[in-house]
Amino acid sequence: MTGAGNGDNSAPAAAPDQPAPAGAQDWPAPAGAQDWPAPAGAQDWPAPAGAPDQPAPATAAHAAALAAIHAAAFQDDPWSEAAIATLFENPTTFGFIAPAGGLVLARAVAGEAEILTIGVAATARRRGIARALLGAALAEARGRGAETVFLEVAADNDAAIRLYRACLFRPAGRRRDYYGPGRDALLFTRPLS
């Protein structure tokens, strides 16, 4: 739904009818993971523990799968496996993955949290995955001591804006040309207390 746009954009965008990039299924699943079938028409995302739509913690070991999902969610601006792995080198970064095809990456430091990117592959949308991922990220940020969280979203991304408003985010500003010429970002924030 939103992408911060500061990742390495060298990875090719995956078309919806193409399989995930090589290596996307090679990450080690968390303890207790089960093999969940992909939804009809969905790409074969790896399955962490829990239901296919439910988020599970992600680490640098999941970078290939996260990059594949990011490419499916943001075909015009995908983040590479290397860029995602680099984010996890910072201990303030955390993330969650939904095996049906969703991800959220965030960081929390000095009482604030930032949603770096959150997205769901087109084949897995309208099932509550983004809301579940956002909820998991907010809970983790709160657990890491964040009192406020913020994010940027493309000004024309009506579905994401509706989700953020429903989850008590409020507009806090506008960043002109954040996603490129003529593509503004809206800044949203919400308290976690």
N, C-alpha and C. Protein backbone atom coordinates (compact mmCIF):
# COMPACT_ATOMS: atom_id res chain seq x y z
N MET A 1 0.80 -1.17 0.00
CA MET A 1 0.00 0.00 0.00
C MET A 1 0.85 1.25 0.00
N THR A 2 1.89 1.29 0.74
CA THR A 2 2.80 2.42 0.66
C THR A 2 4.20 1.89 0.62
N GLY A 3 5.04 2.58 0.00
CA GLY A 3 6.45 2.24 -0.02
C GLY A 3 7.24 3.51 0.17
N ALA A 4 8.25 3.47 0.98
CA ALA A 4 9.01 4.67 1.25
C ALA A 4 9.83 5.11 0.05
N GLY A 5 10.13 4.20 -0.85
CA GLY A 5 10.81 4.58 -2.07
C GLY A 5 12.29 4.85 -1.92
N ASN A 6 12.90 4.48 -0.79
CA ASN A 6 14.32 4.76 -0.63
C ASN A 6 15.16 3.51 -0.78
N GLY A 7 14.56 2.43 -1.28
CA GLY A 7 15.32 1.20 -1.44
C GLY A 7 16.05 1.16 -2.77
N ASP A 8 16.88 0.17 -2.93
CA ASP A 8 17.59 -0.04 -4.19
C ASP A 8 16.58 -0.54 -5.20
N ASN A 9 16.39 0.18 -6.27
CA ASN A 9 15.36 -0.15 -7.24
C ASN A 9 15.90 -0.99 -8.38
N SER A 10 17.00 -1.70 -8.18
CA SER A 10 17.60 -2.44 -9.27
C SER A 10 16.90 -3.77 -9.57
N ALA A 11 16.06 -4.24 -8.67
CA ALA A 11 15.38 -5.51 -8.89
C ALA A 11 14.29 -5.33 -9.94
N PRO A 12 14.17 -6.27 -10.87
CA PRO A 12 13.12 -6.15 -11.88
C PRO A 12 11.76 -6.39 -11.25
N ALA A 13 10.76 -5.72 -11.75
CA ALA A 13 9.40 -5.92 -11.25
C ALA A 13 8.89 -7.26 -11.74
N ALA A 14 8.25 -8.01 -10.86
CA ALA A 14 7.67 -9.30 -11.24
C ALA A 14 6.26 -9.08 -11.75
N ALA A 15 5.95 -9.62 -12.89
CA ALA A 15 4.59 -9.53 -13.40
C ALA A 15 3.69 -10.43 -12.56
N PRO A 16 2.39 -10.07 -12.42
CA PRO A 16 1.50 -10.85 -11.57
C PRO A 16 1.42 -12.32 -11.95
N ASP A 17 1.62 -12.66 -13.22
CA ASP A 17 1.49 -14.05 -13.64
C ASP A 17 2.82 -14.79 -13.67
N GLN A 18 3.88 -14.17 -13.15
CA GLN A 18 5.18 -14.82 -13.12
C GLN A 18 5.47 -15.31 -11.71
N PRO A 19 6.26 -16.38 -11.57
CA PRO A 19 6.61 -16.85 -10.23
C PRO A 19 7.52 -15.86 -9.53
N ALA A 20 7.63 -16.00 -8.22
CA ALA A 20 8.51 -15.14 -7.43
C ALA A 20 9.94 -15.32 -7.90
N PRO A 21 10.79 -14.30 -7.71
CA PRO A 21 12.19 -14.40 -8.12
C PRO A 21 12.89 -15.60 -7.49
N ALA A 22 13.94 -16.07 -8.15
CA ALA A 22 14.72 -17.20 -7.64
C ALA A 22 15.17 -16.91 -6.22
N GLY A 23 15.09 -17.90 -5.38
CA GLY A 23 15.52 -17.77 -4.00
C GLY A 23 14.43 -17.33 -3.05
N ALA A 24 13.28 -16.90 -3.57
CA ALA A 24 12.22 -16.39 -2.71
C ALA A 24 11.67 -17.48 -1.79
N GLN A 25 11.74 -18.76 -2.22
CA GLN A 25 11.24 -19.82 -1.37
C GLN A 25 12.33 -20.47 -0.53
N ASP A 26 13.55 -19.93 -0.59
CA ASP A 26 14.67 -20.59 0.08
C ASP A 26 14.96 -20.10 1.49
N TRP A 27 14.14 -19.22 2.05
CA TRP A 27 14.43 -18.71 3.37
C TRP A 27 13.98 -19.71 4.43
N PRO A 28 14.66 -19.73 5.57
CA PRO A 28 14.27 -20.67 6.61
C PRO A 28 12.99 -20.21 7.29
N ALA A 29 12.01 -21.09 7.35
CA ALA A 29 10.75 -20.77 8.01
C ALA A 29 10.94 -20.76 9.52
N PRO A 30 10.18 -19.90 10.23
CA PRO A 30 10.26 -19.88 11.68
C PRO A 30 9.87 -21.25 12.26
N ALA A 31 10.31 -21.50 13.48
CA ALA A 31 9.99 -22.77 14.15
C ALA A 31 8.48 -22.99 14.15
N GLY A 32 8.07 -24.18 13.87
CA GLY A 32 6.65 -24.53 13.88
C GLY A 32 5.90 -24.15 12.62
N ALA A 33 6.61 -23.68 11.62
CA ALA A 33 5.94 -23.28 10.39
C ALA A 33 5.27 -24.49 9.74
N GLN A 34 4.15 -24.23 9.11
CA GLN A 34 3.42 -25.26 8.39
C GLN A 34 3.43 -24.90 6.92
N ASP A 35 3.19 -25.84 6.07
CA ASP A 35 3.10 -25.56 4.65
C ASP A 35 1.67 -25.20 4.32
N TRP A 36 1.48 -23.95 3.95
CA TRP A 36 0.14 -23.48 3.60
C TRP A 36 0.06 -23.38 2.09
N PRO A 37 -1.04 -23.82 1.51
CA PRO A 37 -1.17 -23.64 0.06
C PRO A 37 -1.40 -22.18 -0.26
N ALA A 38 -0.86 -21.74 -1.39
CA ALA A 38 -1.10 -20.37 -1.84
C ALA A 38 -2.55 -20.26 -2.30
N PRO A 39 -3.19 -19.11 -2.11
CA PRO A 39 -4.54 -18.94 -2.62
C PRO A 39 -4.55 -19.10 -4.14
N ALA A 40 -5.69 -19.44 -4.69
CA ALA A 40 -5.80 -19.62 -6.14
C ALA A 40 -5.31 -18.36 -6.85
N GLY A 41 -4.40 -18.52 -7.78
CA GLY A 41 -3.87 -17.41 -8.54
C GLY A 41 -2.75 -16.66 -7.86
N ALA A 42 -2.47 -16.97 -6.61
CA ALA A 42 -1.42 -16.26 -5.89
C ALA A 42 -0.07 -16.89 -6.20
N GLN A 43 0.96 -16.11 -5.98
CA GLN A 43 2.30 -16.65 -6.14
C GLN A 43 2.60 -17.56 -4.95
N ASP A 44 3.57 -18.41 -5.10
CA ASP A 44 3.89 -19.39 -4.07
C ASP A 44 4.80 -18.77 -3.01
N TRP A 45 4.22 -17.96 -2.13
CA TRP A 45 5.01 -17.34 -1.07
C TRP A 45 5.32 -18.38 -0.01
N PRO A 46 6.45 -18.28 0.67
CA PRO A 46 6.75 -19.20 1.75
C PRO A 46 5.81 -18.96 2.93
N ALA A 47 5.61 -19.96 3.74
CA ALA A 47 4.60 -19.89 4.80
C ALA A 47 5.20 -19.91 6.20
N PRO A 48 5.23 -18.77 6.90
CA PRO A 48 5.60 -18.79 8.31
C PRO A 48 4.51 -19.47 9.12
N ALA A 49 4.77 -19.63 10.42
CA ALA A 49 3.79 -20.25 11.30
C ALA A 49 2.51 -19.43 11.32
N GLY A 50 1.38 -20.09 11.49
CA GLY A 50 0.10 -19.41 11.56
C GLY A 50 -0.66 -19.54 10.26
N ALA A 51 -1.81 -18.89 10.22
CA ALA A 51 -2.66 -18.93 9.04
C ALA A 51 -1.99 -18.19 7.88
N PRO A 52 -2.35 -18.52 6.65
CA PRO A 52 -1.70 -17.92 5.49
C PRO A 52 -1.81 -16.40 5.44
N ASP A 53 -2.88 -15.84 5.99
CA ASP A 53 -3.06 -14.40 5.95
C ASP A 53 -2.49 -13.70 7.17
N GLN A 54 -2.04 -14.45 8.17
CA GLN A 54 -1.58 -13.84 9.41
C GLN A 54 -0.08 -13.56 9.37
N PRO A 55 0.31 -12.38 9.86
CA PRO A 55 1.73 -12.03 9.84
C PRO A 55 2.55 -12.81 10.85
N ALA A 56 3.78 -13.06 10.47
CA ALA A 56 4.78 -13.68 11.34
C ALA A 56 6.02 -12.80 11.29
N PRO A 57 6.82 -12.78 12.35
CA PRO A 57 8.03 -11.95 12.34
C PRO A 57 8.95 -12.31 11.18
N ALA A 58 9.55 -11.28 10.60
CA ALA A 58 10.49 -11.45 9.51
C ALA A 58 11.87 -10.96 9.96
N THR A 59 12.90 -11.54 9.36
CA THR A 59 14.28 -11.16 9.65
C THR A 59 15.03 -11.03 8.33
N ALA A 60 16.31 -10.73 8.40
CA ALA A 60 17.13 -10.64 7.20
C ALA A 60 17.12 -11.96 6.42
N ALA A 61 16.91 -13.07 7.11
CA ALA A 61 16.85 -14.37 6.43
C ALA A 61 15.66 -14.46 5.48
N HIS A 62 14.69 -13.57 5.63
CA HIS A 62 13.51 -13.55 4.78
C HIS A 62 13.62 -12.53 3.65
N ALA A 63 14.79 -11.93 3.46
CA ALA A 63 14.94 -10.83 2.51
C ALA A 63 14.49 -11.20 1.09
N ALA A 64 14.80 -12.39 0.62
CA ALA A 64 14.40 -12.78 -0.73
C ALA A 64 12.88 -12.84 -0.85
N ALA A 65 12.22 -13.44 0.11
CA ALA A 65 10.76 -13.52 0.08
C ALA A 65 10.14 -12.14 0.21
N LEU A 66 10.68 -11.31 1.09
CA LEU A 66 10.17 -9.95 1.25
C LEU A 66 10.33 -9.15 -0.04
N ALA A 67 11.47 -9.30 -0.71
CA ALA A 67 11.70 -8.60 -1.98
C ALA A 67 10.72 -9.08 -3.04
N ALA A 68 10.44 -10.37 -3.08
CA ALA A 68 9.48 -10.91 -4.06
C ALA A 68 8.09 -10.33 -3.81
N ILE A 69 7.68 -10.27 -2.56
CA ILE A 69 6.37 -9.71 -2.23
C ILE A 69 6.35 -8.22 -2.55
N HIS A 70 7.43 -7.52 -2.20
CA HIS A 70 7.50 -6.07 -2.48
C HIS A 70 7.38 -5.82 -3.98
N ALA A 71 8.04 -6.64 -4.79
CA ALA A 71 7.96 -6.49 -6.24
C ALA A 71 6.54 -6.73 -6.75
N ALA A 72 5.83 -7.66 -6.15
CA ALA A 72 4.45 -7.93 -6.56
C ALA A 72 3.51 -6.81 -6.12
N ALA A 73 3.82 -6.17 -4.99
CA ALA A 73 2.97 -5.10 -4.48
C ALA A 73 3.29 -3.75 -5.13
N PHE A 74 4.56 -3.53 -5.46
CA PHE A 74 5.02 -2.24 -6.01
C PHE A 74 5.80 -2.49 -7.29
N GLN A 75 5.12 -2.87 -8.34
CA GLN A 75 5.78 -3.27 -9.57
C GLN A 75 6.60 -2.15 -10.19
N ASP A 76 6.25 -0.90 -9.94
CA ASP A 76 7.00 0.20 -10.54
C ASP A 76 8.14 0.71 -9.65
N ASP A 77 8.28 0.18 -8.44
CA ASP A 77 9.33 0.65 -7.54
C ASP A 77 9.71 -0.43 -6.51
N PRO A 78 10.09 -1.63 -6.98
CA PRO A 78 10.37 -2.72 -6.03
C PRO A 78 11.72 -2.53 -5.33
N TRP A 79 11.77 -2.98 -4.09
CA TRP A 79 13.03 -2.98 -3.33
C TRP A 79 13.73 -4.31 -3.57
N SER A 80 15.04 -4.27 -3.65
CA SER A 80 15.83 -5.47 -3.90
C SER A 80 16.03 -6.26 -2.61
N GLU A 81 16.39 -7.51 -2.78
CA GLU A 81 16.74 -8.36 -1.64
C GLU A 81 17.87 -7.74 -0.84
N ALA A 82 18.89 -7.20 -1.53
CA ALA A 82 20.03 -6.59 -0.84
C ALA A 82 19.60 -5.37 -0.03
N ALA A 83 18.72 -4.54 -0.59
CA ALA A 83 18.26 -3.35 0.13
C ALA A 83 17.50 -3.75 1.39
N ILE A 84 16.67 -4.76 1.28
CA ILE A 84 15.90 -5.21 2.45
C ILE A 84 16.82 -5.83 3.49
N ALA A 85 17.77 -6.65 3.06
CA ALA A 85 18.73 -7.24 4.01
C ALA A 85 19.51 -6.16 4.72
N THR A 86 19.88 -5.10 4.01
CA THR A 86 20.62 -4.00 4.61
C THR A 86 19.80 -3.31 5.69
N LEU A 87 18.50 -3.15 5.47
CA LEU A 87 17.65 -2.54 6.50
C LEU A 87 17.73 -3.31 7.82
N PHE A 88 17.76 -4.65 7.71
CA PHE A 88 17.79 -5.48 8.92
C PHE A 88 19.13 -5.43 9.65
N GLU A 89 20.16 -4.86 9.03
CA GLU A 89 21.44 -4.71 9.72
C GLU A 89 21.33 -3.71 10.87
N ASN A 90 20.36 -2.85 10.81
CA ASN A 90 20.12 -1.88 11.88
C ASN A 90 19.18 -2.53 12.89
N PRO A 91 19.58 -2.63 14.15
CA PRO A 91 18.74 -3.31 15.15
C PRO A 91 17.42 -2.61 15.44
N THR A 92 17.24 -1.39 14.96
CA THR A 92 15.95 -0.71 15.16
C THR A 92 14.90 -1.16 14.16
N THR A 93 15.31 -1.89 13.12
CA THR A 93 14.40 -2.33 12.07
C THR A 93 13.74 -3.65 12.45
N PHE A 94 12.47 -3.77 12.11
CA PHE A 94 11.73 -5.01 12.31
C PHE A 94 10.73 -5.16 11.18
N GLY A 95 10.19 -6.35 11.04
CA GLY A 95 9.22 -6.57 9.99
C GLY A 95 8.36 -7.78 10.23
N PHE A 96 7.33 -7.90 9.41
CA PHE A 96 6.43 -9.04 9.45
C PHE A 96 6.13 -9.44 8.01
N ILE A 97 5.85 -10.73 7.82
CA ILE A 97 5.53 -11.27 6.51
C ILE A 97 4.24 -12.09 6.63
N ALA A 98 3.37 -11.93 5.66
CA ALA A 98 2.16 -12.76 5.56
C ALA A 98 2.37 -13.67 4.36
N PRO A 99 2.33 -14.97 4.54
CA PRO A 99 2.65 -15.89 3.46
C PRO A 99 1.73 -15.79 2.25
N ALA A 100 0.55 -15.25 2.42
CA ALA A 100 -0.34 -15.09 1.27
C ALA A 100 0.16 -14.00 0.33
N GLY A 101 1.14 -13.18 0.81
CA GLY A 101 1.72 -12.16 -0.05
C GLY A 101 1.68 -10.77 0.52
N GLY A 102 2.07 -10.59 1.77
CA GLY A 102 2.11 -9.26 2.38
C GLY A 102 3.35 -9.06 3.21
N LEU A 103 3.76 -7.80 3.37
CA LEU A 103 4.91 -7.48 4.20
C LEU A 103 4.74 -6.12 4.82
N VAL A 104 5.41 -5.91 5.94
CA VAL A 104 5.59 -4.59 6.53
C VAL A 104 7.00 -4.55 7.10
N LEU A 105 7.68 -3.44 6.84
CA LEU A 105 8.99 -3.18 7.42
C LEU A 105 8.90 -1.85 8.14
N ALA A 106 9.49 -1.77 9.32
CA ALA A 106 9.40 -0.57 10.14
C ALA A 106 10.66 -0.44 10.99
N ARG A 107 10.75 0.69 11.67
CA ARG A 107 11.84 0.87 12.63
C ARG A 107 11.31 1.70 13.78
N ALA A 108 11.91 1.50 14.94
CA ALA A 108 11.52 2.24 16.13
C ALA A 108 12.78 2.66 16.87
N VAL A 109 12.84 3.94 17.20
CA VAL A 109 13.99 4.49 17.92
C VAL A 109 13.57 5.80 18.59
N ALA A 110 14.09 6.05 19.77
CA ALA A 110 13.90 7.31 20.49
C ALA A 110 12.43 7.71 20.63
N GLY A 111 11.57 6.73 20.92
CA GLY A 111 10.16 7.01 21.17
C GLY A 111 9.30 7.18 19.93
N GLU A 112 9.90 7.01 18.74
CA GLU A 112 9.13 7.13 17.51
C GLU A 112 9.31 5.88 16.66
N ALA A 113 8.29 5.59 15.87
CA ALA A 113 8.36 4.48 14.92
C ALA A 113 7.98 5.00 13.54
N GLU A 114 8.54 4.38 12.53
CA GLU A 114 8.22 4.72 11.15
C GLU A 114 7.91 3.45 10.38
N ILE A 115 6.79 3.45 9.68
CA ILE A 115 6.47 2.36 8.77
C ILE A 115 7.25 2.67 7.49
N LEU A 116 8.22 1.84 7.17
CA LEU A 116 9.06 2.06 5.99
C LEU A 116 8.35 1.64 4.72
N THR A 117 7.68 0.51 4.78
CA THR A 117 6.89 0.02 3.65
C THR A 117 5.89 -1.00 4.17
N ILE A 118 4.75 -1.01 3.54
CA ILE A 118 3.73 -2.02 3.81
C ILE A 118 3.04 -2.28 2.49
N GLY A 119 2.89 -3.53 2.14
CA GLY A 119 2.28 -3.84 0.86
C GLY A 119 1.73 -5.25 0.82
N VAL A 120 0.77 -5.43 -0.07
CA VAL A 120 0.15 -6.74 -0.28
C VAL A 120 0.09 -6.96 -1.79
N ALA A 121 0.50 -8.14 -2.21
CA ALA A 121 0.43 -8.50 -3.63
C ALA A 121 -1.02 -8.38 -4.10
N ALA A 122 -1.19 -7.97 -5.35
CA ALA A 122 -2.53 -7.77 -5.90
C ALA A 122 -3.42 -9.00 -5.75
N THR A 123 -2.83 -10.18 -5.86
CA THR A 123 -3.60 -11.43 -5.77
C THR A 123 -4.09 -11.73 -4.36
N ALA A 124 -3.60 -10.98 -3.36
CA ALA A 124 -3.97 -11.26 -1.97
C ALA A 124 -4.69 -10.09 -1.30
N ARG A 125 -5.06 -9.09 -2.06
CA ARG A 125 -5.70 -7.90 -1.48
C ARG A 125 -7.15 -8.16 -1.12
N ARG A 126 -7.67 -7.26 -0.29
CA ARG A 126 -9.08 -7.26 0.16
C ARG A 126 -9.40 -8.44 1.07
N ARG A 127 -8.41 -8.88 1.84
CA ARG A 127 -8.61 -9.98 2.79
C ARG A 127 -8.20 -9.59 4.20
N GLY A 128 -7.87 -8.33 4.43
CA GLY A 128 -7.49 -7.87 5.76
C GLY A 128 -6.02 -8.07 6.09
N ILE A 129 -5.22 -8.45 5.10
CA ILE A 129 -3.81 -8.71 5.35
C ILE A 129 -3.08 -7.43 5.73
N ALA A 130 -3.33 -6.34 5.02
CA ALA A 130 -2.64 -5.08 5.34
C ALA A 130 -2.99 -4.62 6.74
N ARG A 131 -4.23 -4.75 7.14
CA ARG A 131 -4.64 -4.35 8.49
C ARG A 131 -3.94 -5.22 9.54
N ALA A 132 -3.84 -6.52 9.28
CA ALA A 132 -3.16 -7.42 10.23
C ALA A 132 -1.67 -7.08 10.32
N LEU A 133 -1.04 -6.81 9.17
CA LEU A 133 0.37 -6.43 9.17
C LEU A 133 0.58 -5.13 9.92
N LEU A 134 -0.27 -4.14 9.66
CA LEU A 134 -0.16 -2.86 10.34
C LEU A 134 -0.34 -3.04 11.85
N GLY A 135 -1.31 -3.85 12.24
CA GLY A 135 -1.53 -4.10 13.67
C GLY A 135 -0.32 -4.75 14.33
N ALA A 136 0.29 -5.71 13.64
CA ALA A 136 1.48 -6.37 14.18
C ALA A 136 2.63 -5.37 14.33
N ALA A 137 2.80 -4.50 13.32
CA ALA A 137 3.88 -3.51 13.38
C ALA A 137 3.64 -2.50 14.50
N LEU A 138 2.39 -2.07 14.69
CA LEU A 138 2.09 -1.11 15.76
C LEU A 138 2.34 -1.74 17.13
N ALA A 139 1.96 -2.99 17.29
CA ALA A 139 2.19 -3.67 18.57
C ALA A 139 3.69 -3.81 18.84
N GLU A 140 4.46 -4.18 17.82
CA GLU A 140 5.91 -4.31 17.99
C GLU A 140 6.54 -2.96 18.31
N ALA A 141 6.11 -1.91 17.62
CA ALA A 141 6.65 -0.57 17.87
C ALA A 141 6.36 -0.14 19.31
N ARG A 142 5.14 -0.38 19.75
CA ARG A 142 4.77 -0.05 21.13
C ARG A 142 5.65 -0.83 22.11
N GLY A 143 5.88 -2.10 21.81
CA GLY A 143 6.73 -2.93 22.67
C GLY A 143 8.17 -2.47 22.69
N ARG A 144 8.59 -1.76 21.65
CA ARG A 144 9.96 -1.22 21.59
C ARG A 144 10.03 0.20 22.15
N GLY A 145 8.95 0.66 22.76
CA GLY A 145 8.96 1.95 23.43
C GLY A 145 8.51 3.13 22.59
N ALA A 146 8.02 2.90 21.39
CA ALA A 146 7.55 4.01 20.57
C ALA A 146 6.24 4.56 21.13
N GLU A 147 6.14 5.86 21.14
CA GLU A 147 4.93 6.54 21.59
C GLU A 147 4.13 7.10 20.42
N THR A 148 4.80 7.26 19.28
CA THR A 148 4.19 7.81 18.07
C THR A 148 4.70 7.03 16.88
N VAL A 149 3.86 6.88 15.88
CA VAL A 149 4.28 6.23 14.64
C VAL A 149 3.88 7.12 13.47
N PHE A 150 4.71 7.13 12.44
CA PHE A 150 4.37 7.88 11.25
C PHE A 150 4.68 7.08 10.01
N LEU A 151 4.11 7.52 8.89
CA LEU A 151 4.33 6.86 7.60
C LEU A 151 4.03 7.85 6.49
N GLU A 152 4.52 7.54 5.31
CA GLU A 152 4.18 8.28 4.11
C GLU A 152 3.35 7.37 3.22
N VAL A 153 2.42 7.98 2.50
CA VAL A 153 1.59 7.24 1.56
C VAL A 153 1.38 8.11 0.33
N ALA A 154 1.36 7.49 -0.84
CA ALA A 154 1.11 8.23 -2.07
C ALA A 154 -0.24 8.92 -1.97
N ALA A 155 -0.27 10.19 -2.33
CA ALA A 155 -1.48 11.00 -2.20
C ALA A 155 -2.65 10.43 -3.01
N ASP A 156 -2.36 9.63 -4.03
CA ASP A 156 -3.43 9.05 -4.85
C ASP A 156 -3.78 7.61 -4.46
N ASN A 157 -3.24 7.11 -3.35
CA ASN A 157 -3.50 5.74 -2.91
C ASN A 157 -4.70 5.74 -1.95
N ASP A 158 -5.89 5.84 -2.52
CA ASP A 158 -7.10 5.96 -1.73
C ASP A 158 -7.34 4.78 -0.79
N ALA A 159 -7.05 3.56 -1.25
CA ALA A 159 -7.28 2.38 -0.40
C ALA A 159 -6.40 2.43 0.84
N ALA A 160 -5.13 2.78 0.67
CA ALA A 160 -4.22 2.86 1.82
C ALA A 160 -4.64 3.98 2.76
N ILE A 161 -5.02 5.12 2.21
CA ILE A 161 -5.44 6.25 3.04
C ILE A 161 -6.66 5.87 3.88
N ARG A 162 -7.62 5.16 3.28
CA ARG A 162 -8.79 4.70 4.04
C ARG A 162 -8.37 3.78 5.18
N LEU A 163 -7.43 2.86 4.89
CA LEU A 163 -6.95 1.96 5.94
C LEU A 163 -6.32 2.74 7.08
N TYR A 164 -5.43 3.66 6.77
CA TYR A 164 -4.73 4.41 7.82
C TYR A 164 -5.71 5.24 8.64
N ARG A 165 -6.65 5.86 7.99
CA ARG A 165 -7.65 6.64 8.75
C ARG A 165 -8.46 5.72 9.66
N ALA A 166 -8.84 4.54 9.16
CA ALA A 166 -9.59 3.58 9.98
C ALA A 166 -8.78 3.09 11.17
N CYS A 167 -7.46 3.11 11.03
CA CYS A 167 -6.56 2.67 12.10
C CYS A 167 -6.04 3.85 12.92
N LEU A 168 -6.79 4.95 12.89
CA LEU A 168 -6.56 6.13 13.74
C LEU A 168 -5.35 6.98 13.37
N PHE A 169 -4.84 6.83 12.16
CA PHE A 169 -3.80 7.73 11.68
C PHE A 169 -4.46 9.03 11.25
N ARG A 170 -3.74 10.13 11.45
CA ARG A 170 -4.23 11.44 11.06
C ARG A 170 -3.22 12.13 10.16
N PRO A 171 -3.70 12.93 9.19
CA PRO A 171 -2.77 13.64 8.30
C PRO A 171 -1.88 14.59 9.11
N ALA A 172 -0.62 14.67 8.71
CA ALA A 172 0.33 15.54 9.42
C ALA A 172 1.16 16.38 8.46
N GLY A 173 0.94 16.23 7.16
CA GLY A 173 1.70 17.04 6.22
C GLY A 173 1.71 16.42 4.84
N ARG A 174 2.41 17.09 3.94
CA ARG A 174 2.52 16.64 2.55
C ARG A 174 3.97 16.82 2.12
N ARG A 175 4.50 15.84 1.41
CA ARG A 175 5.86 15.91 0.88
C ARG A 175 5.76 15.93 -0.65
N ARG A 176 6.02 17.08 -1.20
CA ARG A 176 5.92 17.27 -2.64
C ARG A 176 6.95 16.41 -3.38
N ASP A 177 6.51 15.76 -4.44
CA ASP A 177 7.38 14.98 -5.32
C ASP A 177 8.14 13.87 -4.60
N TYR A 178 7.63 13.39 -3.49
CA TYR A 178 8.31 12.37 -2.68
C TYR A 178 8.55 11.08 -3.47
N TYR A 179 7.57 10.70 -4.27
CA TYR A 179 7.68 9.48 -5.07
C TYR A 179 8.11 9.76 -6.50
N GLY A 180 8.55 10.97 -6.76
CA GLY A 180 8.98 11.39 -8.10
C GLY A 180 8.18 12.61 -8.53
N PRO A 181 8.53 13.18 -9.67
CA PRO A 181 7.84 14.39 -10.13
C PRO A 181 6.33 14.20 -10.21
N GLY A 182 5.61 15.08 -9.54
CA GLY A 182 4.16 15.05 -9.55
C GLY A 182 3.53 13.98 -8.68
N ARG A 183 4.33 13.22 -7.93
CA ARG A 183 3.80 12.15 -7.07
C ARG A 183 4.08 12.49 -5.61
N ASP A 184 3.14 13.21 -5.01
CA ASP A 184 3.28 13.65 -3.63
C ASP A 184 3.00 12.52 -2.65
N ALA A 185 3.55 12.67 -1.46
CA ALA A 185 3.25 11.76 -0.35
C ALA A 185 2.51 12.55 0.72
N LEU A 186 1.57 11.89 1.35
CA LEU A 186 0.93 12.44 2.54
C LEU A 186 1.60 11.81 3.74
N LEU A 187 1.90 12.62 4.73
CA LEU A 187 2.48 12.13 5.97
C LEU A 187 1.33 11.92 6.95
N PHE A 188 1.28 10.72 7.53
CA PHE A 188 0.27 10.39 8.53
C PHE A 188 0.97 10.02 9.83
N THR A 189 0.32 10.27 10.94
CA THR A 189 0.88 9.93 12.25
C THR A 189 -0.25 9.49 13.18
N ARG A 190 0.13 8.77 14.23
CA ARG A 190 -0.83 8.42 15.27
C ARG A 190 -0.07 8.10 16.56
N PRO A 191 -0.69 8.40 17.69
CA PRO A 191 -0.07 8.04 18.97
C PRO A 191 -0.25 6.55 19.23
N LEU A 192 0.68 5.99 19.98
CA LEU A 192 0.58 4.57 20.34
C LEU A 192 0.17 4.38 21.80
N SER A 193 0.02 5.44 22.52
CA SER A 193 -0.35 5.31 23.94
C SER A 193 -1.84 5.24 24.12
